[in-house]
PDB file of N, CA and C in Angstrom:
ATOM      1  N   MET A   1       4.099  66.767 -31.228  1.00  0.00           N
ATOM      2  CA  MET A   1       4.806  65.634 -31.757  1.00  0.00           C
ATOM      3  C   MET A   1       3.921  64.967 -32.807  1.00  0.00           C
ATOM      4  N   LEU A   2       4.536  64.571 -33.885  1.00  0.00           N
ATOM      5  CA  LEU A   2       3.830  63.943 -34.989  1.00  0.00           C
ATOM      6  C   LEU A   2       3.768  62.433 -34.772  1.00  0.00           C
ATOM      7  N   ARG A   3       2.551  61.876 -34.835  1.00  0.00           N
ATOM      8  CA  ARG A   3       2.389  60.423 -34.687  1.00  0.00           C
ATOM      9  C   ARG A   3       2.025  59.844 -36.031  1.00  0.00           C
ATOM     10  N   LEU A   4       2.677  58.762 -36.386  1.00  0.00           N
ATOM     11  CA  LEU A   4       2.379  58.105 -37.646  1.00  0.00           C
ATOM     12  C   LEU A   4       1.255  57.096 -37.452  1.00  0.00           C
ATOM     13  N   TYR A   5       0.403  56.985 -38.455  1.00  0.00           N
ATOM     14  CA  TYR A   5      -0.705  56.039 -38.390  1.00  0.00           C
ATOM     15  C   TYR A   5      -0.200  54.645 -38.734  1.00  0.00           C
ATOM     16  N   ASN A   6      -0.491  53.685 -37.889  1.00  0.00           N
ATOM     17  CA  ASN A   6      -0.113  52.293 -38.120  1.00  0.00           C
ATOM     18  C   ASN A   6      -1.357  51.546 -38.600  1.00  0.00           C
ATOM     19  N   PRO A   7      -1.400  51.104 -39.867  1.00  0.00           N
ATOM     20  CA  PRO A   7      -2.599  50.436 -40.357  1.00  0.00           C
ATOM     21  C   PRO A   7      -2.817  49.063 -39.721  1.00  0.00           C
ATOM     22  N   ARG A   8      -1.754  48.416 -39.248  1.00  0.00           N
ATOM     23  CA  ARG A   8      -1.904  47.109 -38.603  1.00  0.00           C
ATOM     24  C   ARG A   8      -1.733  47.262 -37.094  1.00  0.00           C
ATOM     25  N   PRO A   9      -2.750  46.956 -36.316  1.00  0.00           N
ATOM     26  CA  PRO A   9      -2.587  47.033 -34.855  1.00  0.00           C
ATOM     27  C   PRO A   9      -1.645  45.921 -34.391  1.00  0.00           C
ATOM     28  N   PRO A  10      -1.020  46.078 -33.235  1.00  0.00           N
ATOM     29  CA  PRO A  10      -0.101  45.042 -32.748  1.00  0.00           C
ATOM     30  C   PRO A  10      -0.837  43.730 -32.459  1.00  0.00           C
ATOM     31  N   LYS A  11      -0.131  42.625 -32.680  1.00  0.00           N
ATOM     32  CA  LYS A  11      -0.718  41.307 -32.472  1.00  0.00           C
ATOM     33  C   LYS A  11      -0.828  41.048 -30.961  1.00  0.00           C
ATOM     34  N   PRO A  12      -1.984  40.553 -30.494  1.00  0.00           N
ATOM     35  CA  PRO A  12      -2.117  40.288 -29.054  1.00  0.00           C
ATOM     36  C   PRO A  12      -1.224  39.120 -28.630  1.00  0.00           C
ATOM     37  N   LEU A  13      -0.809  39.129 -27.363  1.00  0.00           N
ATOM     38  CA  LEU A  13       0.068  38.081 -26.850  1.00  0.00           C
ATOM     39  C   LEU A  13      -0.659  36.756 -26.645  1.00  0.00           C
ATOM     40  N   VAL A  14      -1.950  36.823 -26.353  1.00  0.00           N
ATOM     41  CA  VAL A  14      -2.731  35.616 -26.094  1.00  0.00           C
ATOM     42  C   VAL A  14      -3.860  35.549 -27.106  1.00  0.00           C
ATOM     43  N   ASP A  15      -4.024  34.374 -27.721  1.00  0.00           N
ATOM     44  CA  ASP A  15      -5.138  34.178 -28.632  1.00  0.00           C
ATOM     45  C   ASP A  15      -6.356  33.790 -27.801  1.00  0.00           C
ATOM     46  N   TRP A  16      -7.215  34.772 -27.539  1.00  0.00           N
ATOM     47  CA  TRP A  16      -8.332  34.564 -26.619  1.00  0.00           C
ATOM     48  C   TRP A  16      -9.375  33.611 -27.159  1.00  0.00           C
ATOM     49  N   THR A  17      -9.497  33.454 -28.468  1.00  0.00           N
ATOM     50  CA  THR A  17     -10.501  32.535 -28.992  1.00  0.00           C
ATOM     51  C   THR A  17     -10.156  31.092 -28.607  1.00  0.00           C
ATOM     52  N   TRP A  18      -8.872  30.716 -28.703  1.00  0.00           N
ATOM     53  CA  TRP A  18      -8.467  29.367 -28.293  1.00  0.00           C
ATOM     54  C   TRP A  18      -8.595  29.192 -26.783  1.00  0.00           C
ATOM     55  N   THR A  19      -8.237  30.210 -26.026  1.00  0.00           N
ATOM     56  CA  THR A  19      -8.308  30.121 -24.569  1.00  0.00           C
ATOM     57  C   THR A  19      -9.749  29.931 -24.116  1.00  0.00           C
ATOM     58  N   ILE A  20     -10.644  30.723 -24.668  1.00  0.00           N
ATOM     59  CA  ILE A  20     -12.055  30.618 -24.295  1.00  0.00           C
ATOM     60  C   ILE A  20     -12.618  29.271 -24.731  1.00  0.00           C
ATOM     61  N   GLY A  21     -12.218  28.807 -25.912  1.00  0.00           N
ATOM     62  CA  GLY A  21     -12.695  27.513 -26.397  1.00  0.00           C
ATOM     63  C   GLY A  21     -12.245  26.366 -25.506  1.00  0.00           C
ATOM     64  N   LEU A  22     -10.978  26.376 -25.103  1.00  0.00           N
ATOM     65  CA  LEU A  22     -10.482  25.305 -24.238  1.00  0.00           C
ATOM     66  C   LEU A  22     -11.124  25.340 -22.858  1.00  0.00           C
ATOM     67  N   LEU A  23     -11.274  26.531 -22.305  1.00  0.00           N
ATOM     68  CA  LEU A  23     -11.907  26.636 -20.993  1.00  0.00           C
ATOM     69  C   LEU A  23     -13.367  26.202 -21.036  1.00  0.00           C
ATOM     70  N   SER A  24     -14.067  26.572 -22.095  1.00  0.00           N
ATOM     71  CA  SER A  24     -15.469  26.171 -22.185  1.00  0.00           C
ATOM     72  C   SER A  24     -15.596  24.664 -22.394  1.00  0.00           C
ATOM     73  N   ALA A  25     -14.687  24.043 -23.152  1.00  0.00           N
ATOM     74  CA  ALA A  25     -14.732  22.591 -23.344  1.00  0.00           C
ATOM     75  C   ALA A  25     -14.513  21.863 -22.023  1.00  0.00           C
ATOM     76  N   HIS A  26     -13.531  22.330 -21.232  1.00  0.00           N
ATOM     77  CA  HIS A  26     -13.302  21.705 -19.933  1.00  0.00           C
ATOM     78  C   HIS A  26     -14.489  21.935 -18.987  1.00  0.00           C
ATOM     79  N   GLY A  27     -15.055  23.112 -19.046  1.00  0.00           N
ATOM     80  CA  GLY A  27     -16.218  23.397 -18.212  1.00  0.00           C
ATOM     81  C   GLY A  27     -17.402  22.521 -18.571  1.00  0.00           C
ATOM     82  N   LEU A  28     -17.638  22.315 -19.870  1.00  0.00           N
ATOM     83  CA  LEU A  28     -18.735  21.447 -20.285  1.00  0.00           C
ATOM     84  C   LEU A  28     -18.491  20.004 -19.872  1.00  0.00           C
ATOM     85  N   ALA A  29     -17.258  19.539 -19.970  1.00  0.00           N
ATOM     86  CA  ALA A  29     -16.948  18.173 -19.536  1.00  0.00           C
ATOM     87  C   ALA A  29     -17.171  18.019 -18.033  1.00  0.00           C
ATOM     88  N   LEU A  30     -16.782  19.020 -17.260  1.00  0.00           N
ATOM     89  CA  LEU A  30     -16.999  18.969 -15.815  1.00  0.00           C
ATOM     90  C   LEU A  30     -18.485  18.979 -15.482  1.00  0.00           C
ATOM     91  N   LEU A  31     -19.243  19.823 -16.171  1.00  0.00           N
ATOM     92  CA  LEU A  31     -20.688  19.846 -15.946  1.00  0.00           C
ATOM     93  C   LEU A  31     -21.331  18.518 -16.307  1.00  0.00           C
ATOM     94  N   ALA A  32     -20.877  17.896 -17.384  1.00  0.00           N
ATOM     95  CA  ALA A  32     -21.423  16.596 -17.777  1.00  0.00           C
ATOM     96  C   ALA A  32     -21.130  15.534 -16.722  1.00  0.00           C
ATOM     97  N   LEU A  33     -19.921  15.541 -16.157  1.00  0.00           N
ATOM     98  CA  LEU A  33     -19.592  14.569 -15.117  1.00  0.00           C
ATOM     99  C   LEU A  33     -20.414  14.793 -13.850  1.00  0.00           C
ATOM    100  N   VAL A  34     -20.593  16.036 -13.470  1.00  0.00           N
ATOM    101  CA  VAL A  34     -21.404  16.337 -12.288  1.00  0.00           C
ATOM    102  C   VAL A  34     -22.848  15.934 -12.529  1.00  0.00           C
ATOM    103  N   TRP A  35     -23.351  16.210 -13.730  1.00  0.00           N
ATOM    104  CA  TRP A  35     -24.736  15.846 -14.057  1.00  0.00           C
ATOM    105  C   TRP A  35     -24.906  14.324 -14.018  1.00  0.00           C
ATOM    106  N   LEU A  36     -23.932  13.588 -14.572  1.00  0.00           N
ATOM    107  CA  LEU A  36     -24.024  12.131 -14.529  1.00  0.00           C
ATOM    108  C   LEU A  36     -23.986  11.611 -13.100  1.00  0.00           C
ATOM    109  N   ALA A  37     -23.188  12.224 -12.253  1.00  0.00           N
ATOM    110  CA  ALA A  37     -23.112  11.792 -10.858  1.00  0.00           C
ATOM    111  C   ALA A  37     -24.418  12.059 -10.124  1.00  0.00           C
ATOM    112  N   LEU A  38     -25.112  13.129 -10.485  1.00  0.00           N
ATOM    113  CA  LEU A  38     -26.372  13.447  -9.820  1.00  0.00           C
ATOM    114  C   LEU A  38     -27.524  12.611 -10.353  1.00  0.00           C
ATOM    115  N   VAL A  39     -27.507  12.318 -11.642  1.00  0.00           N
ATOM    116  CA  VAL A  39     -28.610  11.576 -12.257  1.00  0.00           C
ATOM    117  C   VAL A  39     -28.542  10.091 -11.906  1.00  0.00           C
ATOM    118  N   ASN A  40     -27.349   9.515 -11.990  1.00  0.00           N
ATOM    119  CA  ASN A  40     -27.181   8.090 -11.725  1.00  0.00           C
ATOM    120  C   ASN A  40     -26.508   7.923 -10.369  1.00  0.00           C
ATOM    121  N   PRO A  41     -27.241   7.461  -9.349  1.00  0.00           N
ATOM    122  CA  PRO A  41     -26.638   7.368  -8.012  1.00  0.00           C
ATOM    123  C   PRO A  41     -25.588   6.264  -7.885  1.00  0.00           C
ATOM    124  N   LYS A  42     -25.457   5.384  -8.872  1.00  0.00           N
ATOM    125  CA  LYS A  42     -24.456   4.322  -8.778  1.00  0.00           C
ATOM    126  C   LYS A  42     -23.052   4.823  -9.100  1.00  0.00           C
ATOM    127  N   ILE A  43     -22.939   5.911  -9.842  1.00  0.00           N
ATOM    128  CA  ILE A  43     -21.636   6.400 -10.269  1.00  0.00           C
ATOM    129  C   ILE A  43     -20.759   6.819  -9.092  1.00  0.00           C
ATOM    130  N   PRO A  44     -21.263   7.572  -8.085  1.00  0.00           N
ATOM    131  CA  PRO A  44     -20.384   7.878  -6.944  1.00  0.00           C
ATOM    132  C   PRO A  44     -19.907   6.629  -6.204  1.00  0.00           C
ATOM    133  N   VAL A  45     -20.738   5.578  -6.182  1.00  0.00           N
ATOM    134  CA  VAL A  45     -20.321   4.331  -5.539  1.00  0.00           C
ATOM    135  C   VAL A  45     -19.176   3.708  -6.337  1.00  0.00           C
ATOM    136  N   TRP A  46     -19.286   3.710  -7.660  1.00  0.00           N
ATOM    137  CA  TRP A  46     -18.216   3.169  -8.505  1.00  0.00           C
ATOM    138  C   TRP A  46     -16.916   3.945  -8.285  1.00  0.00           C
ATOM    139  N   ILE A  47     -17.048   5.268  -8.199  1.00  0.00           N
ATOM    140  CA  ILE A  47     -15.858   6.099  -8.018  1.00  0.00           C
ATOM    141  C   ILE A  47     -15.197   5.802  -6.679  1.00  0.00           C
ATOM    142  N   SER A  48     -15.994   5.693  -5.612  1.00  0.00           N
ATOM    143  CA  SER A  48     -15.415   5.433  -4.297  1.00  0.00           C
ATOM    144  C   SER A  48     -14.820   4.030  -4.228  1.00  0.00           C
ATOM    145  N   GLU A  49     -15.449   3.048  -4.870  1.00  0.00           N
ATOM    146  CA  GLU A  49     -14.880   1.695  -4.881  1.00  0.00           C
ATOM    147  C   GLU A  49     -13.554   1.674  -5.642  1.00  0.00           C
ATOM    148  N   GLY A  50     -13.508   2.399  -6.746  1.00  0.00           N
ATOM    149  CA  GLY A  50     -12.264   2.458  -7.513  1.00  0.00           C
ATOM    150  C   GLY A  50     -11.149   3.127  -6.724  1.00  0.00           C
ATOM    151  N   ALA A  51     -11.486   4.192  -5.997  1.00  0.00           N
ATOM    152  CA  ALA A  51     -10.476   4.880  -5.185  1.00  0.00           C
ATOM    153  C   ALA A  51     -10.003   3.980  -4.042  1.00  0.00           C
ATOM    154  N   GLU A  52     -10.928   3.256  -3.424  1.00  0.00           N
ATOM    155  CA  GLU A  52     -10.540   2.350  -2.344  1.00  0.00           C
ATOM    156  C   GLU A  52      -9.631   1.240  -2.869  1.00  0.00           C
ATOM    157  N   ALA A  53      -9.961   0.705  -4.037  1.00  0.00           N
ATOM    158  CA  ALA A  53      -9.138  -0.363  -4.602  1.00  0.00           C
ATOM    159  C   ALA A  53      -7.747   0.154  -4.956  1.00  0.00           C
ATOM    160  N   GLU A  54      -7.677   1.367  -5.455  1.00  0.00           N
ATOM    161  CA  GLU A  54      -6.383   1.926  -5.820  1.00  0.00           C
ATOM    162  C   GLU A  54      -5.537   2.191  -4.580  1.00  0.00           C
ATOM    163  N   LEU A  55      -6.155   2.675  -3.514  1.00  0.00           N
ATOM    164  CA  LEU A  55      -5.416   2.946  -2.290  1.00  0.00           C
ATOM    165  C   LEU A  55      -5.041   1.663  -1.568  1.00  0.00           C
ATOM    166  N   ALA A  56      -5.891   0.663  -1.638  1.00  0.00           N
ATOM    167  CA  ALA A  56      -5.583  -0.601  -0.972  1.00  0.00           C
ATOM    168  C   ALA A  56      -4.394  -1.281  -1.634  1.00  0.00           C
ATOM    169  N   ALA A  57      -4.259  -1.121  -2.932  1.00  0.00           N
ATOM    170  CA  ALA A  57      -3.132  -1.731  -3.633  1.00  0.00           C
ATOM    171  C   ALA A  57      -1.836  -0.982  -3.342  1.00  0.00           C
ATOM    172  N   ALA A  58      -1.932   0.273  -2.940  1.00  0.00           N
ATOM    173  CA  ALA A  58      -0.727   1.078  -2.701  1.00  0.00           C
ATOM    174  C   ALA A  58      -0.142   0.866  -1.313  1.00  0.00           C
ATOM    175  N   VAL A  59      -0.878   0.220  -0.408  1.00  0.00           N
ATOM    176  CA  VAL A  59      -0.404   0.020   0.961  1.00  0.00           C
ATOM    177  C   VAL A  59       0.596  -1.136   0.967  1.00  0.00           C
ATOM    178  N   PRO A  60       1.778  -0.937   1.523  1.00  0.00           N
ATOM    179  CA  PRO A  60       2.756  -2.030   1.560  1.00  0.00           C
ATOM    180  C   PRO A  60       2.308  -3.117   2.527  1.00  0.00           C
ATOM    181  N   PRO A  61       2.831  -4.321   2.390  1.00  0.00           N
ATOM    182  CA  PRO A  61       2.458  -5.385   3.324  1.00  0.00           C
ATOM    183  C   PRO A  61       2.872  -5.034   4.749  1.00  0.00           C
ATOM    184  N   ALA A  62       2.146  -5.584   5.714  1.00  0.00           N
ATOM    185  CA  ALA A  62       2.380  -5.238   7.111  1.00  0.00           C
ATOM    186  C   ALA A  62       3.747  -5.724   7.591  1.00  0.00           C
ATOM    187  N   VAL A  63       4.123  -6.939   7.211  1.00  0.00           N
ATOM    188  CA  VAL A  63       5.400  -7.488   7.641  1.00  0.00           C
ATOM    189  C   VAL A  63       6.296  -7.578   6.413  1.00  0.00           C
ATOM    190  N   ALA A  64       7.252  -6.711   6.365  1.00  0.00           N
ATOM    191  CA  ALA A  64       8.189  -6.720   5.250  1.00  0.00           C
ATOM    192  C   ALA A  64       9.515  -7.290   5.731  1.00  0.00           C
ATOM    193  N   SER A  65      10.128  -8.111   4.902  1.00  0.00           N
ATOM    194  CA  SER A  65      11.408  -8.680   5.296  1.00  0.00           C
ATOM    195  C   SER A  65      12.488  -7.602   5.214  1.00  0.00           C
ATOM    196  N   ARG A  66      13.439  -7.673   6.131  1.00  0.00           N
ATOM    197  CA  ARG A  66      14.525  -6.693   6.133  1.00  0.00           C
ATOM    198  C   ARG A  66      15.486  -7.012   5.003  1.00  0.00           C
ATOM    199  N   ALA A  67      15.906  -5.998   4.348  1.00  0.00           N
ATOM    200  CA  ALA A  67      16.881  -6.174   3.272  1.00  0.00           C
ATOM    201  C   ALA A  67      18.273  -6.298   3.869  1.00  0.00           C
ATOM    202  N   GLN A  68      19.037  -7.219   3.352  1.00  0.00           N
ATOM    203  CA  GLN A  68      20.401  -7.379   3.830  1.00  0.00           C
ATOM    204  C   GLN A  68      21.320  -6.506   2.998  1.00  0.00           C
ATOM    205  N   ILE A  69      22.159  -5.767   3.664  1.00  0.00           N
ATOM    206  CA  ILE A  69      23.077  -4.874   2.977  1.00  0.00           C
ATOM    207  C   ILE A  69      24.347  -5.640   2.678  1.00  0.00           C
ATOM    208  N   ALA A  70      24.750  -5.636   1.442  1.00  0.00           N
ATOM    209  CA  ALA A  70      25.956  -6.348   1.047  1.00  0.00           C
ATOM    210  C   ALA A  70      27.188  -5.569   1.483  1.00  0.00           C
ATOM    211  N   GLU A  71      28.138  -6.268   2.073  1.00  0.00           N
ATOM    212  CA  GLU A  71      29.396  -5.653   2.484  1.00  0.00           C
ATOM    213  C   GLU A  71      30.544  -6.462   1.889  1.00  0.00           C
ATOM    214  N   PRO A  72      31.593  -5.798   1.454  1.00  0.00           N
ATOM    215  CA  PRO A  72      32.722  -6.548   0.895  1.00  0.00           C
ATOM    216  C   PRO A  72      33.416  -7.367   1.981  1.00  0.00           C
ATOM    217  N   ALA A  73      34.028  -8.475   1.560  1.00  0.00           N
ATOM    218  CA  ALA A  73      34.716  -9.337   2.525  1.00  0.00           C
ATOM    219  C   ALA A  73      35.909  -8.618   3.132  1.00  0.00           C
ATOM    220  N   ALA A  74      36.618  -7.842   2.338  1.00  0.00           N
ATOM    221  CA  ALA A  74      37.766  -7.079   2.829  1.00  0.00           C
ATOM    222  C   ALA A  74      37.774  -5.742   2.099  1.00  0.00           C
ATOM    223  N   PRO A  75      38.304  -4.728   2.742  1.00  0.00           N
ATOM    224  CA  PRO A  75      38.368  -3.440   2.039  1.00  0.00           C
ATOM    225  C   PRO A  75      39.230  -3.536   0.782  1.00  0.00           C
ATOM    226  N   ARG A  76      38.948  -2.743  -0.187  1.00  0.00           N
ATOM    227  CA  ARG A  76      39.642  -2.780  -1.467  1.00  0.00           C
ATOM    228  C   ARG A  76      41.134  -2.487  -1.302  1.00  0.00           C
ATOM    229  N   ARG A  77      41.489  -1.601  -0.440  1.00  0.00           N
ATOM    230  CA  ARG A  77      42.905  -1.255  -0.237  1.00  0.00           C
ATOM    231  C   ARG A  77      43.696  -2.469   0.254  1.00  0.00           C
ATOM    232  N   MET A  78      43.110  -3.261   1.138  1.00  0.00           N
ATOM    233  CA  MET A  78      43.810  -4.427   1.655  1.00  0.00           C
ATOM    234  C   MET A  78      44.039  -5.454   0.554  1.00  0.00           C
ATOM    235  N   GLN A  79      43.080  -5.601  -0.354  1.00  0.00           N
ATOM    236  CA  GLN A  79      43.260  -6.545  -1.458  1.00  0.00           C
ATOM    237  C   GLN A  79      44.420  -6.115  -2.345  1.00  0.00           C
ATOM    238  N   ILE A  80      44.552  -4.853  -2.607  1.00  0.00           N
ATOM    239  CA  ILE A  80      45.637  -4.361  -3.454  1.00  0.00           C
ATOM    240  C   ILE A  80      46.980  -4.561  -2.753  1.00  0.00           C
ATOM    241  N   VAL A  81      47.058  -4.276  -1.455  1.00  0.00           N
ATOM    242  CA  VAL A  81      48.291  -4.433  -0.707  1.00  0.00           C
ATOM    243  C   VAL A  81      48.709  -5.895  -0.657  1.00  0.00           C
ATOM    244  N   GLU A  82      47.746  -6.800  -0.444  1.00  0.00           N
ATOM    245  CA  GLU A  82      48.053  -8.224  -0.368  1.00  0.00           C
ATOM    246  C   GLU A  82      48.606  -8.722  -1.712  1.00  0.00           C
ATOM    247  N   ARG A  83      48.048  -8.250  -2.805  1.00  0.00           N
ATOM    248  CA  ARG A  83      48.539  -8.674  -4.108  1.00  0.00           C
ATOM    249  C   ARG A  83      49.979  -8.180  -4.340  1.00  0.00           C
ATOM    250  N   PHE A  84      50.287  -7.009  -3.858  1.00  0.00           N
ATOM    251  CA  PHE A  84      51.606  -6.423  -4.079  1.00  0.00           C
ATOM    252  C   PHE A  84      52.680  -7.201  -3.327  1.00  0.00           C
ATOM    253  N   TYR A  85      52.362  -7.645  -2.109  1.00  0.00           N
ATOM    254  CA  TYR A  85      53.368  -8.312  -1.289  1.00  0.00           C
ATOM    255  C   TYR A  85      53.400  -9.819  -1.485  1.00  0.00           C
ATOM    256  N   LYS A  86      52.659 -10.390  -2.364  1.00  0.00           N
ATOM    257  CA  LYS A  86      52.701 -11.834  -2.588  1.00  0.00           C
ATOM    258  C   LYS A  86      53.851 -12.244  -3.431  1.00  0.00           C
TER     259      LYS A  86
END
């Protein structure tokens, strides 16, 4: 079987240069955060205080008032019937 030479190879589905660049940027940011947490011992305390404050604000009050459910005075059908027979 005769194969024709293709001067242009097929385009790859994933652009690996961008993928590697983004992964390395995220990895460097993570390493920087871990390094800062290890070098400065106050940072983990700040993080835990911030998490505690965020969780404390999310807790609902202990005693919540019951919501009253609104109910119509009379069913809608009865109102229509009463109007018809007046």
